[in-house]
Amino acid sequence: MDRLFTLVQDKKGFLLSASDRGKSYIVYTSNSSEFFKKNSPVQFTDEVILDWKSDSRPFCHIFWDDCYTVVSVQEIKAGDTYNLRDLGGYLTSSQDAVVKFGLIYRSDQPSSMGADAERAYKELGLKSVLDFRGSFEHRMWPDPEIEGTTNYWLPAQEENPTAPPEHVVVPNIADIFRHDDQWKAEDTIRFSESYLAMPFNNPAYKNMFTCMLNDEVPALIHCLAGKDRTGIGAMLFLLALGVSEDTIMKDYTHRSAAYQAYIDFRENELQEHLKTDISRKHFGYFFGVLEENLAGSLNKIRQLYVTPEIFFKESYDLGPDELKQLRAKYLLPLEQ
């Protein structure tokens, strides 16, 4: 079990579901992750449709037995973003705490928010935005400048100095699929190998943990599509909190309806350029999320360091005290 509760929005409203069926739960709803008895409580067992009239997303404060937790919507819509998610709600491997909602978000590049950026930033309460993209992406699609939010440019990956610019990123993404001879076997190898290098002693992720320890949150971490460089950042964050590898993989491979719609749009747009095995394979690398890539990262961490604790101490100078501090800030114990 990776989550105790799930909150999703459908045509009927907000549906709150419990993973552990048959128990009796009491839920209060509010627009804050901080608990206060503003609304009347609702009792439910398996699931319930919430009576929620506000335009902001609800936070559900749930009580049962001697336990308490907070749940909100994971997938968030802002402008044309398709991969904006809250990293809250995941259970730790010890099953005694969950990652807090409303503190760390992951996303594709926020420039896609367009005119909706200021509203979204204010609603999420963002204090910092961490950009893991390369220099070309950073210049081409700059992050919104919103009062009260600090933008950090933290490139997580060295750009390939021998590759032509279109192999890194181009204004018109379709350009990179127009000629099969652009793609070579070493491009695929280089992409997979990046997952074996990025997690280790990476200044971008060192700065990410510094922001987290210094309470520069709520924070948004992002790259271009919010899946590879951001996927490594999310993996490191969850691993440091004691979330299991299986749950981390579920977060990494999660594909929202908006993300699937984006992939379908791109595939339809590029269909005339996706007629060979090599072009279809590279479409999968460019737009998809491949489990084997993150599995390679996790396997290498285990091979080199045996335990996450040794890994974080050696790669990020996060010893027992720092990990304890992170967990105190970003985990909500179930028993109260």
Protein backbone atom coordinates (compact mmCIF):
# COMPACT_ATOMS: atom_id res chain seq x y z
CA MET A 1 0.00 0.00 0.00
CA ASP A 2 1.50 3.33 -1.08
CA ARG A 3 -1.35 5.61 0.08
CA LEU A 4 -3.96 5.39 2.84
CA PHE A 5 -6.40 7.74 1.10
CA THR A 6 -6.91 9.15 -2.39
CA LEU A 7 -8.67 12.39 -3.28
CA VAL A 8 -9.60 12.94 -6.93
CA GLN A 9 -11.87 15.37 -8.71
CA ASP A 10 -14.47 14.01 -11.13
CA LYS A 11 -17.72 15.28 -12.64
CA LYS A 12 -19.56 14.68 -9.36
CA GLY A 13 -17.04 16.62 -7.27
CA PHE A 14 -14.19 15.55 -5.02
CA LEU A 15 -14.17 11.83 -4.24
CA LEU A 16 -12.31 10.75 -1.10
CA SER A 17 -11.49 7.01 -0.97
CA ALA A 18 -9.91 4.89 1.76
CA SER A 19 -7.51 2.07 0.92
CA ASP A 20 -8.37 0.24 4.15
CA ARG A 21 -12.05 -0.53 3.59
CA GLY A 22 -14.63 -1.12 6.30
CA LYS A 23 -13.23 1.23 8.94
CA SER A 24 -15.05 4.29 10.22
CA TYR A 25 -13.43 7.64 9.42
CA ILE A 26 -14.27 11.24 10.31
CA VAL A 27 -13.20 13.98 7.89
CA TYR A 28 -13.10 17.77 8.17
CA THR A 29 -12.48 19.80 4.99
CA SER A 30 -10.67 23.11 4.75
CA ASN A 31 -8.52 25.10 2.35
CA SER A 32 -5.43 24.64 4.52
CA SER A 33 -3.15 21.79 5.53
CA GLU A 34 -3.33 23.19 9.07
CA PHE A 35 -6.20 21.66 11.02
CA PHE A 36 -9.00 23.80 12.41
CA LYS A 37 -12.64 22.86 12.98
CA LYS A 38 -14.28 25.20 10.52
CA ASN A 39 -16.66 22.82 8.73
CA SER A 40 -18.90 20.16 10.19
CA PRO A 41 -17.32 16.69 10.20
CA VAL A 42 -18.49 13.92 7.87
CA GLN A 43 -18.34 10.23 8.77
CA PHE A 44 -17.61 7.64 6.07
CA THR A 45 -16.28 4.14 5.60
CA ASP A 46 -15.08 3.35 2.08
CA GLU A 47 -15.57 6.60 0.17
CA VAL A 48 -17.48 9.86 0.17
CA ILE A 49 -18.23 12.75 -2.21
CA LEU A 50 -17.22 15.97 -0.47
CA ASP A 51 -19.44 19.02 -0.33
CA TRP A 52 -16.79 21.52 -1.46
CA LYS A 53 -17.78 24.86 -3.01
CA SER A 54 -14.47 26.75 -3.01
CA ASP A 55 -12.37 27.25 -6.17
CA SER A 56 -9.23 26.22 -4.25
CA ARG A 57 -8.40 22.55 -3.72
CA PRO A 58 -9.64 20.99 -0.46
CA PHE A 59 -7.51 19.54 2.32
CA CYS A 60 -9.12 16.63 4.13
CA HIS A 61 -8.28 16.19 7.81
CA ILE A 62 -9.09 12.57 8.61
CA PHE A 63 -9.39 10.91 12.02
CA TRP A 64 -9.78 7.21 12.84
CA ASP A 65 -8.87 5.07 15.84
CA ASP A 66 -5.92 6.95 17.37
CA CYS A 67 -4.68 8.17 13.99
CA TYR A 68 -4.81 11.39 11.99
CA THR A 69 -3.65 12.42 8.54
CA VAL A 70 -4.15 15.11 5.89
CA VAL A 71 -5.04 14.38 2.27
CA SER A 72 -5.41 16.60 -0.78
CA VAL A 73 -5.52 16.31 -4.53
CA GLN A 74 -2.27 15.04 -6.04
CA GLU A 75 -2.75 16.21 -9.63
CA ILE A 76 -3.06 19.98 -10.07
CA LYS A 77 -4.01 21.93 -13.19
CA ALA A 78 -2.42 25.29 -13.97
CA GLY A 79 -2.50 26.76 -17.47
CA ASP A 80 -1.15 24.26 -20.00
CA THR A 81 0.97 22.26 -17.56
CA TYR A 82 0.41 18.51 -17.82
CA ASN A 83 2.61 17.04 -15.08
CA LEU A 84 2.09 19.24 -12.01
CA ARG A 85 1.72 17.10 -8.89
CA ASP A 86 1.92 17.30 -5.11
CA LEU A 87 4.45 14.83 -3.67
CA GLY A 88 2.40 14.48 -0.48
CA GLY A 89 0.44 11.47 0.71
CA TYR A 90 2.93 8.65 0.24
CA LEU A 91 3.37 6.20 3.11
CA THR A 92 6.85 5.51 4.46
CA SER A 93 8.11 1.94 4.27
CA SER A 94 7.54 1.65 8.04
CA GLN A 95 3.84 2.49 7.41
CA ASP A 96 3.76 4.88 10.38
CA ALA A 97 3.93 8.27 8.62
CA VAL A 98 2.98 9.96 5.36
CA VAL A 99 4.66 12.67 3.32
CA LYS A 100 2.99 16.01 4.06
CA PHE A 101 0.84 17.62 1.39
CA GLY A 102 1.35 21.20 0.27
CA LEU A 103 5.13 21.45 0.67
CA ILE A 104 6.90 19.92 -2.36
CA TYR A 105 5.54 19.91 -5.91
CA ARG A 106 6.96 18.48 -9.13
CA SER A 107 6.09 19.68 -12.61
CA ASP A 108 6.90 20.24 -16.24
CA GLN A 109 8.23 23.73 -16.93
CA PRO A 110 6.01 26.39 -15.29
CA SER A 111 6.28 28.71 -18.29
CA SER A 112 3.41 26.54 -19.61
CA MET A 113 1.18 28.09 -16.96
CA GLY A 114 1.04 31.26 -19.03
CA ALA A 115 -1.37 33.86 -17.67
CA ASP A 116 -2.43 31.41 -14.94
CA ALA A 117 1.02 31.46 -13.29
CA GLU A 118 0.39 34.16 -10.70
CA ARG A 119 -2.86 32.54 -9.52
CA ALA A 120 -1.24 29.09 -9.35
CA TYR A 121 1.87 30.31 -7.52
CA LYS A 122 -0.22 32.16 -4.96
CA GLU A 123 -2.62 29.26 -4.44
CA LEU A 124 0.25 26.82 -3.94
CA GLY A 125 2.03 29.37 -1.75
CA LEU A 126 5.32 28.83 -3.56
CA LYS A 127 8.36 30.34 -1.87
CA SER A 128 10.88 28.81 -4.27
CA VAL A 129 11.02 27.28 -7.75
CA LEU A 130 13.97 25.00 -8.57
CA ASP A 131 14.75 24.72 -12.28
CA PHE A 132 16.82 21.64 -13.21
CA ARG A 133 16.93 22.42 -16.95
CA GLY A 134 19.94 23.16 -19.12
CA SER A 135 20.99 26.62 -20.28
CA PHE A 136 19.15 26.57 -23.62
CA GLU A 137 15.84 25.51 -22.05
CA HIS A 138 16.32 27.98 -19.22
CA ARG A 139 16.79 30.86 -21.67
CA MET A 140 14.13 29.77 -24.18
CA TRP A 141 11.32 29.22 -21.67
CA PRO A 142 12.15 31.30 -18.56
CA ASP A 143 10.33 30.65 -15.32
CA PRO A 144 7.65 33.19 -14.38
CA GLU A 145 8.78 36.01 -12.13
CA ILE A 146 6.20 36.14 -9.35
CA GLU A 147 6.47 38.40 -6.30
CA GLY A 148 7.17 36.40 -3.16
CA THR A 149 8.73 33.45 -5.03
CA THR A 150 12.49 32.98 -5.51
CA ASN A 151 13.63 31.25 -8.71
CA TYR A 152 16.75 29.07 -8.59
CA TRP A 153 18.44 27.79 -11.73
CA LEU A 154 20.11 24.50 -10.80
CA PRO A 155 21.06 22.54 -13.95
CA ALA A 156 21.02 18.87 -12.98
CA GLN A 157 22.73 17.49 -16.04
CA GLU A 158 25.72 18.49 -18.10
CA GLU A 159 24.74 19.32 -21.64
CA ASN A 160 26.38 17.19 -24.31
CA PRO A 161 28.98 19.49 -25.88
CA THR A 162 29.17 17.47 -29.13
CA ALA A 163 25.44 17.21 -29.81
CA PRO A 164 23.74 19.74 -32.10
CA PRO A 165 21.30 22.02 -30.28
CA GLU A 166 18.25 20.16 -31.62
CA HIS A 167 19.38 17.06 -29.74
CA VAL A 168 19.11 18.96 -26.46
CA VAL A 169 15.90 20.90 -26.97
CA VAL A 170 14.46 23.04 -29.74
CA PRO A 171 11.67 25.61 -29.96
CA ASN A 172 9.75 23.27 -32.30
CA ILE A 173 9.98 19.79 -30.78
CA ALA A 174 8.82 18.20 -34.04
CA ASP A 175 12.14 19.17 -35.66
CA ILE A 176 14.04 16.44 -33.82
CA PHE A 177 11.93 13.68 -35.38
CA ARG A 178 12.02 14.80 -39.01
CA HIS A 179 15.11 12.85 -40.00
CA ASP A 180 15.94 9.34 -38.85
CA ASP A 181 19.65 9.94 -39.39
CA GLN A 182 19.60 12.37 -36.45
CA TRP A 183 19.23 9.44 -34.09
CA LYS A 184 22.14 7.18 -33.25
CA ALA A 185 22.60 4.28 -30.87
CA GLU A 186 24.82 6.39 -28.64
CA ASP A 187 21.94 8.83 -28.09
CA THR A 188 19.94 6.08 -26.41
CA ILE A 189 22.95 4.92 -24.42
CA ARG A 190 23.74 8.48 -23.32
CA PHE A 191 20.15 8.98 -22.13
CA SER A 192 20.16 5.79 -20.05
CA GLU A 193 23.60 6.51 -18.64
CA SER A 194 22.44 9.91 -17.41
CA TYR A 195 20.32 8.05 -14.84
CA LEU A 196 23.47 6.37 -13.56
CA ALA A 197 25.23 9.71 -13.05
CA MET A 198 22.65 12.31 -12.03
CA PRO A 199 21.81 10.97 -8.53
CA PHE A 200 25.40 11.10 -7.26
CA ASN A 201 27.08 14.19 -5.78
CA ASN A 202 24.92 16.44 -7.93
CA PRO A 203 25.14 20.15 -6.98
CA ALA A 204 21.57 20.71 -8.20
CA TYR A 205 20.13 18.21 -5.74
CA LYS A 206 22.47 19.35 -2.99
CA ASN A 207 20.93 22.79 -3.35
CA MET A 208 17.47 21.22 -3.41
CA PHE A 209 18.07 19.64 0.00
CA THR A 210 19.49 22.93 1.28
CA CYS A 211 16.26 24.71 0.31
CA MET A 212 14.24 21.99 2.01
CA LEU A 213 16.25 22.15 5.23
CA ASN A 214 16.10 25.95 5.22
CA ASP A 215 12.30 25.93 4.96
CA GLU A 216 12.21 27.61 1.55
CA VAL A 217 8.93 25.84 0.98
CA PRO A 218 6.40 25.29 -0.46
CA ALA A 219 8.74 24.58 -3.37
CA LEU A 220 8.30 23.47 -6.96
CA ILE A 221 10.96 21.32 -8.65
CA HIS A 222 10.84 21.07 -12.43
CA CYS A 223 12.66 20.49 -15.69
CA LEU A 224 11.26 20.47 -19.24
CA ALA A 225 8.72 17.64 -19.03
CA GLY A 226 8.94 17.04 -15.28
CA LYS A 227 9.89 13.39 -15.62
CA ASP A 228 13.67 12.72 -15.86
CA ARG A 229 15.72 15.36 -14.02
CA THR A 230 12.69 16.12 -11.88
CA GLY A 231 12.07 12.38 -11.48
CA ILE A 232 15.55 11.97 -9.96
CA GLY A 233 14.95 14.92 -7.63
CA ALA A 234 11.61 13.46 -6.48
CA MET A 235 13.21 10.04 -6.00
CA LEU A 236 15.96 11.51 -3.80
CA PHE A 237 13.46 13.47 -1.72
CA LEU A 238 11.19 10.47 -1.11
CA LEU A 239 14.10 8.10 -0.51
CA ALA A 240 15.51 10.45 2.14
CA LEU A 241 12.14 10.37 3.92
CA GLY A 242 12.10 6.58 4.06
CA VAL A 243 9.54 5.93 1.32
CA SER A 244 9.91 2.47 -0.25
CA GLU A 245 11.45 1.93 -3.69
CA ASP A 246 8.18 0.41 -4.94
CA THR A 247 6.25 3.55 -3.97
CA ILE A 248 8.96 5.78 -5.46
CA MET A 249 8.65 3.85 -8.73
CA LYS A 250 4.86 4.34 -8.71
CA ASP A 251 5.38 8.08 -8.36
CA TYR A 252 7.96 8.07 -11.14
CA THR A 253 5.81 6.12 -13.61
CA HIS A 254 2.54 7.90 -12.73
CA ARG A 255 0.88 9.24 -15.86
CA SER A 256 -1.99 11.66 -15.32
CA ALA A 257 -4.82 12.03 -17.80
CA ALA A 258 -3.36 15.42 -18.78
CA TYR A 259 0.07 13.87 -19.39
CA GLN A 260 -1.43 11.05 -21.47
CA ALA A 261 -3.40 13.59 -23.50
CA TYR A 262 -0.16 15.52 -24.13
CA ILE A 263 1.64 12.37 -25.32
CA ASP A 264 -1.29 11.45 -27.58
CA PHE A 265 -1.25 14.97 -29.03
CA ARG A 266 2.49 14.78 -29.75
CA GLU A 267 2.20 11.30 -31.25
CA ASN A 268 -0.56 12.44 -33.58
CA GLU A 269 1.41 15.59 -34.49
CA LEU A 270 4.54 13.57 -35.29
CA GLN A 271 3.00 10.45 -36.79
CA GLU A 272 4.52 11.03 -40.25
CA HIS A 273 7.98 11.08 -38.64
CA LEU A 274 7.43 7.96 -36.48
CA LYS A 275 7.45 5.28 -39.18
CA THR A 276 10.67 3.52 -38.20
CA ASP A 277 11.66 1.53 -35.13
CA ILE A 278 14.43 3.98 -34.25
CA SER A 279 12.14 7.03 -34.41
CA ARG A 280 9.42 5.34 -32.35
CA LYS A 281 12.00 4.23 -29.80
CA HIS A 282 13.31 7.74 -29.40
CA PHE A 283 9.78 9.11 -29.14
CA GLY A 284 9.37 6.82 -26.14
CA TYR A 285 12.59 8.10 -24.59
CA PHE A 286 11.76 11.73 -25.24
CA PHE A 287 8.13 11.75 -24.10
CA GLY A 288 7.68 8.59 -22.07
CA VAL A 289 8.76 7.39 -18.64
CA LEU A 290 10.78 4.18 -18.63
CA GLU A 291 10.85 2.20 -15.40
CA GLU A 292 14.21 0.66 -16.25
CA ASN A 293 15.89 4.07 -16.11
CA LEU A 294 15.00 4.86 -12.49
CA ALA A 295 15.54 1.21 -11.58
CA GLY A 296 19.10 1.67 -12.82
CA SER A 297 19.56 4.64 -10.49
CA LEU A 298 18.22 2.77 -7.47
CA ASN A 299 20.23 -0.36 -8.25
CA LYS A 300 23.45 1.64 -8.48
CA ILE A 301 22.75 3.35 -5.15
CA ARG A 302 22.32 -0.08 -3.54
CA GLN A 303 25.39 -1.51 -5.23
CA LEU A 304 27.68 1.34 -4.23
CA TYR A 305 26.33 2.28 -0.82
CA VAL A 306 24.19 -0.66 0.40
CA THR A 307 21.82 1.60 2.39
CA PRO A 308 20.18 4.96 1.64
CA GLU A 309 21.67 6.36 4.86
CA ILE A 310 25.24 5.70 3.67
CA PHE A 311 24.39 7.06 0.22
CA PHE A 312 22.98 10.35 1.54
CA LYS A 313 25.91 10.84 3.90
CA GLU A 314 28.49 10.24 1.17
CA SER A 315 26.76 11.98 -1.75
CA TYR A 316 24.86 14.82 -0.05
CA ASP A 317 26.41 15.22 3.40
CA LEU A 318 23.07 14.33 4.96
CA GLY A 319 23.94 12.43 8.12
CA PRO A 320 21.56 11.01 10.74
CA ASP A 321 20.81 14.46 12.19
CA GLU A 322 20.01 16.01 8.80
CA LEU A 323 17.81 13.06 7.75
CA LYS A 324 15.99 13.25 11.08
CA GLN A 325 15.44 16.98 10.50
CA LEU A 326 14.09 16.38 6.99
CA ARG A 327 11.70 13.72 8.24
CA ALA A 328 10.47 15.93 11.06
CA LYS A 329 9.69 18.69 8.55
CA TYR A 330 8.14 16.65 5.74
CA LEU A 331 6.51 13.63 7.40
CA LEU A 332 3.24 13.53 9.32
CA PRO A 333 3.12 10.67 11.87
CA LEU A 334 -0.14 8.74 11.77
CA GLU A 335 -0.51 8.16 15.49
CA GLN A 336 -1.38 11.31 17.41
